[in-house]
């Protein structure tokens, strides 16, 4: 497994396997967010996991976790879901956790 900076100046990992320990990977904070939002991302060759802590339009905070597969589909779990505290031990566990709690899915045929 190798950590590198891609052409968009984002931290990424290549060589990640489904059984790679989730704790061995580091989320990085995404810059240029709205004033009240904080976002973290983990980009790998298996897809991207993101966590967004944001102020909703209704005046309360929410934490959302998303997973985008490399072939395009996207799952989003809203309602105080943070994959970093999910208890997932492997990358595949983390991805399965997001899919399990997702209340939105967009595009593609990935399962």
N, C-alpha and C. Protein backbone atom coordinates (compact mmCIF):
# COMPACT_ATOMS: atom_id res chain seq x y z
N UNK A 1 0.85 -1.17 0.00
CA UNK A 1 0.00 0.00 0.00
C UNK A 1 0.90 1.23 0.00
N UNK A 2 0.50 2.23 -0.79
CA UNK A 2 1.30 3.45 -0.91
C UNK A 2 0.41 4.69 -0.86
N UNK A 3 0.82 5.65 -0.05
CA UNK A 3 0.13 6.94 0.02
C UNK A 3 0.82 7.89 -0.95
N UNK A 4 0.01 8.66 -1.70
CA UNK A 4 0.58 9.60 -2.67
C UNK A 4 -0.37 10.79 -2.84
N UNK A 5 0.08 11.82 -3.54
CA UNK A 5 -0.72 13.00 -3.86
C UNK A 5 -1.10 12.91 -5.34
N UNK A 6 -2.40 12.97 -5.65
CA UNK A 6 -2.81 12.84 -7.05
C UNK A 6 -2.74 14.18 -7.79
N UNK A 7 -3.18 14.19 -9.04
CA UNK A 7 -3.11 15.39 -9.88
C UNK A 7 -4.02 16.52 -9.40
N UNK A 8 -4.95 16.23 -8.49
CA UNK A 8 -5.83 17.25 -7.92
C UNK A 8 -5.36 17.70 -6.54
N UNK A 9 -4.12 17.33 -6.18
CA UNK A 9 -3.49 17.67 -4.91
C UNK A 9 -4.23 17.04 -3.72
N UNK A 10 -4.78 15.83 -3.94
CA UNK A 10 -5.48 15.10 -2.88
C UNK A 10 -4.63 13.93 -2.42
N UNK A 11 -4.66 13.69 -1.11
CA UNK A 11 -4.00 12.49 -0.57
C UNK A 11 -4.79 11.26 -1.00
N UNK A 12 -4.10 10.25 -1.49
CA UNK A 12 -4.73 9.01 -1.96
C UNK A 12 -3.87 7.82 -1.55
N UNK A 13 -4.50 6.65 -1.62
CA UNK A 13 -3.80 5.40 -1.38
C UNK A 13 -4.01 4.47 -2.58
N UNK A 14 -2.95 3.84 -3.03
CA UNK A 14 -3.06 2.79 -4.04
C UNK A 14 -2.55 1.49 -3.42
N UNK A 15 -3.00 0.38 -4.00
CA UNK A 15 -2.60 -0.92 -3.46
C UNK A 15 -3.42 -1.33 -2.25
N UNK A 16 -4.55 -0.68 -2.02
CA UNK A 16 -5.44 -1.05 -0.91
C UNK A 16 -6.25 -2.27 -1.33
N UNK A 17 -6.34 -3.24 -0.46
CA UNK A 17 -7.11 -4.46 -0.68
C UNK A 17 -8.34 -4.44 0.22
N UNK A 18 -9.38 -5.21 -0.12
CA UNK A 18 -10.56 -5.24 0.74
C UNK A 18 -10.25 -5.60 2.19
N UNK A 19 -9.22 -6.43 2.42
CA UNK A 19 -8.89 -6.83 3.79
C UNK A 19 -7.83 -5.93 4.45
N UNK A 20 -7.49 -4.80 3.80
CA UNK A 20 -6.58 -3.84 4.43
C UNK A 20 -7.22 -3.31 5.70
N UNK A 21 -6.44 -3.23 6.77
CA UNK A 21 -6.97 -2.71 8.03
C UNK A 21 -7.42 -1.26 7.86
N UNK A 22 -8.65 -1.00 8.22
CA UNK A 22 -9.22 0.35 8.10
C UNK A 22 -8.42 1.34 8.94
N UNK A 23 -7.93 0.88 10.09
CA UNK A 23 -7.18 1.76 10.99
C UNK A 23 -5.81 2.15 10.42
N UNK A 24 -5.35 1.46 9.37
CA UNK A 24 -4.04 1.77 8.80
C UNK A 24 -4.11 2.92 7.79
N UNK A 25 -5.32 3.39 7.49
CA UNK A 25 -5.51 4.47 6.52
C UNK A 25 -5.90 5.75 7.24
N UNK A 26 -5.50 6.88 6.68
CA UNK A 26 -5.77 8.18 7.32
C UNK A 26 -6.69 9.03 6.46
N UNK A 27 -7.76 9.53 7.06
CA UNK A 27 -8.60 10.53 6.41
C UNK A 27 -7.86 11.86 6.44
N UNK A 28 -8.04 12.67 5.43
CA UNK A 28 -7.48 14.02 5.46
C UNK A 28 -8.62 15.03 5.43
N UNK A 29 -8.39 16.17 6.05
CA UNK A 29 -9.42 17.21 6.07
C UNK A 29 -9.45 17.91 4.72
N UNK A 30 -10.65 18.09 4.21
CA UNK A 30 -10.85 18.74 2.92
C UNK A 30 -10.96 20.24 3.16
N UNK A 31 -10.18 21.00 2.43
CA UNK A 31 -10.20 22.46 2.58
C UNK A 31 -11.27 23.07 1.69
N UNK A 32 -11.48 24.37 1.87
CA UNK A 32 -12.44 25.14 1.06
C UNK A 32 -13.88 24.69 1.24
N UNK A 33 -14.27 24.42 2.48
CA UNK A 33 -15.64 24.07 2.80
C UNK A 33 -16.40 25.33 3.22
N UNK A 34 -17.73 25.23 3.24
CA UNK A 34 -18.52 26.32 3.79
C UNK A 34 -18.11 26.55 5.23
N UNK A 35 -18.32 27.74 5.73
CA UNK A 35 -17.84 28.15 7.05
C UNK A 35 -18.20 27.17 8.17
N UNK A 36 -19.43 26.65 8.16
CA UNK A 36 -19.89 25.78 9.24
C UNK A 36 -19.69 24.28 8.95
N UNK A 37 -19.07 23.94 7.83
CA UNK A 37 -18.89 22.55 7.45
C UNK A 37 -17.45 22.10 7.64
N UNK A 38 -17.30 20.84 8.04
CA UNK A 38 -15.99 20.21 8.13
C UNK A 38 -16.10 18.88 7.40
N UNK A 39 -15.19 18.62 6.47
CA UNK A 39 -15.24 17.38 5.70
C UNK A 39 -13.88 16.69 5.72
N UNK A 40 -13.93 15.35 5.80
CA UNK A 40 -12.75 14.52 5.74
C UNK A 40 -12.93 13.53 4.59
N UNK A 41 -11.84 13.13 3.97
CA UNK A 41 -11.91 12.21 2.84
C UNK A 41 -10.81 11.17 2.92
N UNK A 42 -11.12 10.00 2.38
CA UNK A 42 -10.17 8.90 2.25
C UNK A 42 -10.34 8.36 0.84
N UNK A 43 -9.37 8.65 -0.03
CA UNK A 43 -9.42 8.22 -1.43
C UNK A 43 -8.50 7.03 -1.62
N UNK A 44 -9.04 5.94 -2.15
CA UNK A 44 -8.25 4.73 -2.39
C UNK A 44 -8.55 4.19 -3.78
N UNK A 45 -7.79 3.19 -4.18
CA UNK A 45 -8.06 2.52 -5.44
C UNK A 45 -9.35 1.71 -5.40
N UNK A 46 -9.96 1.56 -4.21
CA UNK A 46 -11.25 0.86 -4.07
C UNK A 46 -12.43 1.82 -4.03
N UNK A 47 -12.16 3.11 -4.08
CA UNK A 47 -13.21 4.12 -4.00
C UNK A 47 -12.89 5.13 -2.92
N UNK A 48 -13.82 6.05 -2.71
CA UNK A 48 -13.62 7.13 -1.75
C UNK A 48 -14.66 7.09 -0.65
N UNK A 49 -14.19 7.28 0.58
CA UNK A 49 -15.06 7.45 1.75
C UNK A 49 -14.95 8.90 2.19
N UNK A 50 -16.08 9.53 2.47
CA UNK A 50 -16.09 10.91 2.94
C UNK A 50 -16.97 11.03 4.16
N UNK A 51 -16.61 11.95 5.05
CA UNK A 51 -17.41 12.26 6.23
C UNK A 51 -17.60 13.76 6.24
N UNK A 52 -18.85 14.19 6.35
CA UNK A 52 -19.18 15.62 6.36
C UNK A 52 -19.94 15.94 7.64
N UNK A 53 -19.42 16.88 8.41
CA UNK A 53 -20.10 17.42 9.59
C UNK A 53 -20.60 18.79 9.16
N UNK A 54 -21.93 18.94 9.10
CA UNK A 54 -22.47 20.17 8.53
C UNK A 54 -23.67 20.70 9.31
N UNK A 55 -23.91 21.98 9.12
CA UNK A 55 -25.11 22.61 9.64
C UNK A 55 -26.20 22.44 8.59
N UNK A 56 -27.33 21.86 9.00
CA UNK A 56 -28.42 21.65 8.06
C UNK A 56 -29.21 22.94 7.87
N UNK A 57 -30.06 22.93 6.87
CA UNK A 57 -30.92 24.09 6.62
C UNK A 57 -31.97 24.26 7.73
N UNK A 58 -32.11 23.25 8.58
CA UNK A 58 -33.07 23.31 9.69
C UNK A 58 -32.43 23.76 10.99
N UNK A 59 -31.14 24.09 10.96
CA UNK A 59 -30.48 24.65 12.12
C UNK A 59 -29.87 23.67 13.09
N UNK A 60 -29.69 22.42 12.69
CA UNK A 60 -29.00 21.47 13.55
C UNK A 60 -27.85 20.83 12.79
N UNK A 61 -26.90 20.28 13.53
CA UNK A 61 -25.74 19.65 12.90
C UNK A 61 -26.07 18.20 12.52
N UNK A 62 -25.47 17.76 11.46
CA UNK A 62 -25.60 16.37 11.03
C UNK A 62 -24.22 15.88 10.58
N UNK A 63 -23.99 14.61 10.75
CA UNK A 63 -22.79 13.98 10.24
C UNK A 63 -23.24 12.95 9.21
N UNK A 64 -22.63 13.01 8.04
CA UNK A 64 -22.98 12.12 6.94
C UNK A 64 -21.73 11.41 6.44
N UNK A 65 -21.89 10.15 6.07
CA UNK A 65 -20.79 9.41 5.47
C UNK A 65 -21.20 8.96 4.08
N UNK A 66 -20.30 9.16 3.13
CA UNK A 66 -20.55 8.73 1.76
C UNK A 66 -19.47 7.77 1.29
N UNK A 67 -19.85 6.93 0.34
CA UNK A 67 -18.90 6.06 -0.33
C UNK A 67 -19.17 6.14 -1.83
N UNK A 68 -18.14 6.48 -2.61
CA UNK A 68 -18.23 6.46 -4.06
C UNK A 68 -17.33 5.36 -4.59
N UNK A 69 -17.96 4.41 -5.30
CA UNK A 69 -17.21 3.31 -5.91
C UNK A 69 -16.42 3.83 -7.10
N UNK A 70 -15.39 3.11 -7.49
CA UNK A 70 -14.54 3.55 -8.59
C UNK A 70 -15.30 3.57 -9.92
N UNK A 71 -16.38 2.81 -10.04
CA UNK A 71 -17.16 2.81 -11.28
C UNK A 71 -18.36 3.76 -11.21
N UNK A 72 -18.43 4.62 -10.17
CA UNK A 72 -19.40 5.69 -10.15
C UNK A 72 -20.51 5.69 -9.12
N UNK A 73 -21.11 4.56 -8.74
CA UNK A 73 -22.21 4.62 -7.77
C UNK A 73 -21.80 5.26 -6.46
N UNK A 74 -22.77 5.92 -5.81
CA UNK A 74 -22.52 6.66 -4.57
C UNK A 74 -23.60 6.32 -3.56
N UNK A 75 -23.18 6.01 -2.34
CA UNK A 75 -24.08 5.74 -1.22
C UNK A 75 -23.86 6.82 -0.16
N UNK A 76 -24.96 7.29 0.45
CA UNK A 76 -24.86 8.32 1.48
C UNK A 76 -25.70 7.94 2.68
N UNK A 77 -25.06 7.91 3.85
CA UNK A 77 -25.74 7.63 5.12
C UNK A 77 -25.81 8.94 5.90
N UNK A 78 -27.01 9.48 6.05
CA UNK A 78 -27.20 10.72 6.80
C UNK A 78 -27.86 10.42 8.14
N UNK A 79 -27.72 11.34 9.08
CA UNK A 79 -28.36 11.15 10.39
C UNK A 79 -27.37 10.74 11.45
N UNK A 80 -26.22 11.43 11.50
CA UNK A 80 -25.18 11.19 12.51
C UNK A 80 -24.43 9.88 12.29
N UNK A 81 -24.13 9.57 11.04
CA UNK A 81 -23.34 8.39 10.70
C UNK A 81 -21.92 8.80 10.32
N UNK A 82 -20.95 8.29 11.07
CA UNK A 82 -19.53 8.58 10.83
C UNK A 82 -18.79 7.26 10.75
N UNK A 83 -18.35 6.89 9.56
CA UNK A 83 -17.69 5.60 9.35
C UNK A 83 -16.42 5.47 10.18
N UNK A 84 -15.81 6.59 10.55
CA UNK A 84 -14.57 6.53 11.33
C UNK A 84 -14.80 5.94 12.72
N UNK A 85 -16.03 6.02 13.21
CA UNK A 85 -16.34 5.45 14.53
C UNK A 85 -17.31 4.26 14.40
N UNK A 86 -17.29 3.60 13.27
CA UNK A 86 -18.23 2.51 12.99
C UNK A 86 -17.81 1.18 13.60
N UNK A 87 -16.54 1.05 13.95
CA UNK A 87 -16.04 -0.23 14.43
C UNK A 87 -15.55 -1.12 13.30
N UNK A 88 -15.57 -0.63 12.06
CA UNK A 88 -15.08 -1.41 10.92
C UNK A 88 -13.60 -1.74 11.13
N UNK A 89 -13.25 -2.97 10.83
CA UNK A 89 -11.85 -3.37 10.99
C UNK A 89 -11.10 -3.39 9.66
N UNK A 90 -11.81 -3.63 8.56
CA UNK A 90 -11.17 -3.64 7.24
C UNK A 90 -11.85 -2.62 6.33
N UNK A 91 -11.22 -2.33 5.23
CA UNK A 91 -11.81 -1.40 4.26
C UNK A 91 -13.13 -1.95 3.75
N UNK A 92 -13.20 -3.23 3.47
CA UNK A 92 -14.47 -3.80 3.00
C UNK A 92 -15.56 -3.71 4.07
N UNK A 93 -15.19 -3.83 5.35
CA UNK A 93 -16.17 -3.64 6.44
C UNK A 93 -16.70 -2.21 6.43
N UNK A 94 -15.81 -1.24 6.23
CA UNK A 94 -16.22 0.18 6.21
C UNK A 94 -17.16 0.46 5.06
N UNK A 95 -16.84 -0.08 3.89
CA UNK A 95 -17.70 0.12 2.72
C UNK A 95 -19.06 -0.53 2.95
N UNK A 96 -19.08 -1.75 3.47
CA UNK A 96 -20.34 -2.45 3.75
C UNK A 96 -21.16 -1.69 4.78
N UNK A 97 -20.52 -1.08 5.77
CA UNK A 97 -21.21 -0.30 6.80
C UNK A 97 -21.93 0.89 6.17
N UNK A 98 -21.24 1.60 5.29
CA UNK A 98 -21.88 2.75 4.62
C UNK A 98 -23.08 2.28 3.81
N UNK A 99 -22.91 1.23 3.05
CA UNK A 99 -24.01 0.71 2.22
C UNK A 99 -25.19 0.27 3.08
N UNK A 100 -24.90 -0.33 4.23
CA UNK A 100 -25.97 -0.80 5.13
C UNK A 100 -26.81 0.36 5.65
N UNK A 101 -26.17 1.47 6.02
CA UNK A 101 -26.88 2.59 6.63
C UNK A 101 -27.26 3.69 5.64
N UNK A 102 -26.92 3.51 4.38
CA UNK A 102 -27.22 4.54 3.38
C UNK A 102 -28.72 4.70 3.20
N UNK A 103 -29.14 5.95 3.15
CA UNK A 103 -30.53 6.24 2.82
C UNK A 103 -30.64 6.88 1.43
N UNK A 104 -29.49 6.99 0.74
CA UNK A 104 -29.47 7.50 -0.63
C UNK A 104 -28.45 6.69 -1.41
N UNK A 105 -28.83 6.34 -2.62
CA UNK A 105 -27.91 5.67 -3.54
C UNK A 105 -28.12 6.29 -4.91
N UNK A 106 -27.02 6.63 -5.56
CA UNK A 106 -27.10 7.27 -6.87
C UNK A 106 -26.26 6.49 -7.86
N UNK A 107 -26.89 6.05 -8.95
CA UNK A 107 -26.18 5.53 -10.11
C UNK A 107 -25.61 4.15 -10.02
N UNK A 108 -25.29 3.63 -11.20
CA UNK A 108 -24.51 2.43 -11.37
C UNK A 108 -25.12 1.13 -10.95
N UNK A 109 -24.35 0.08 -11.17
CA UNK A 109 -24.81 -1.27 -10.90
C UNK A 109 -24.05 -1.94 -9.75
N UNK A 110 -23.05 -1.28 -9.16
CA UNK A 110 -22.30 -1.91 -8.08
C UNK A 110 -23.22 -2.29 -6.93
N UNK A 111 -22.90 -3.39 -6.28
CA UNK A 111 -23.73 -3.80 -5.14
C UNK A 111 -23.08 -3.41 -3.84
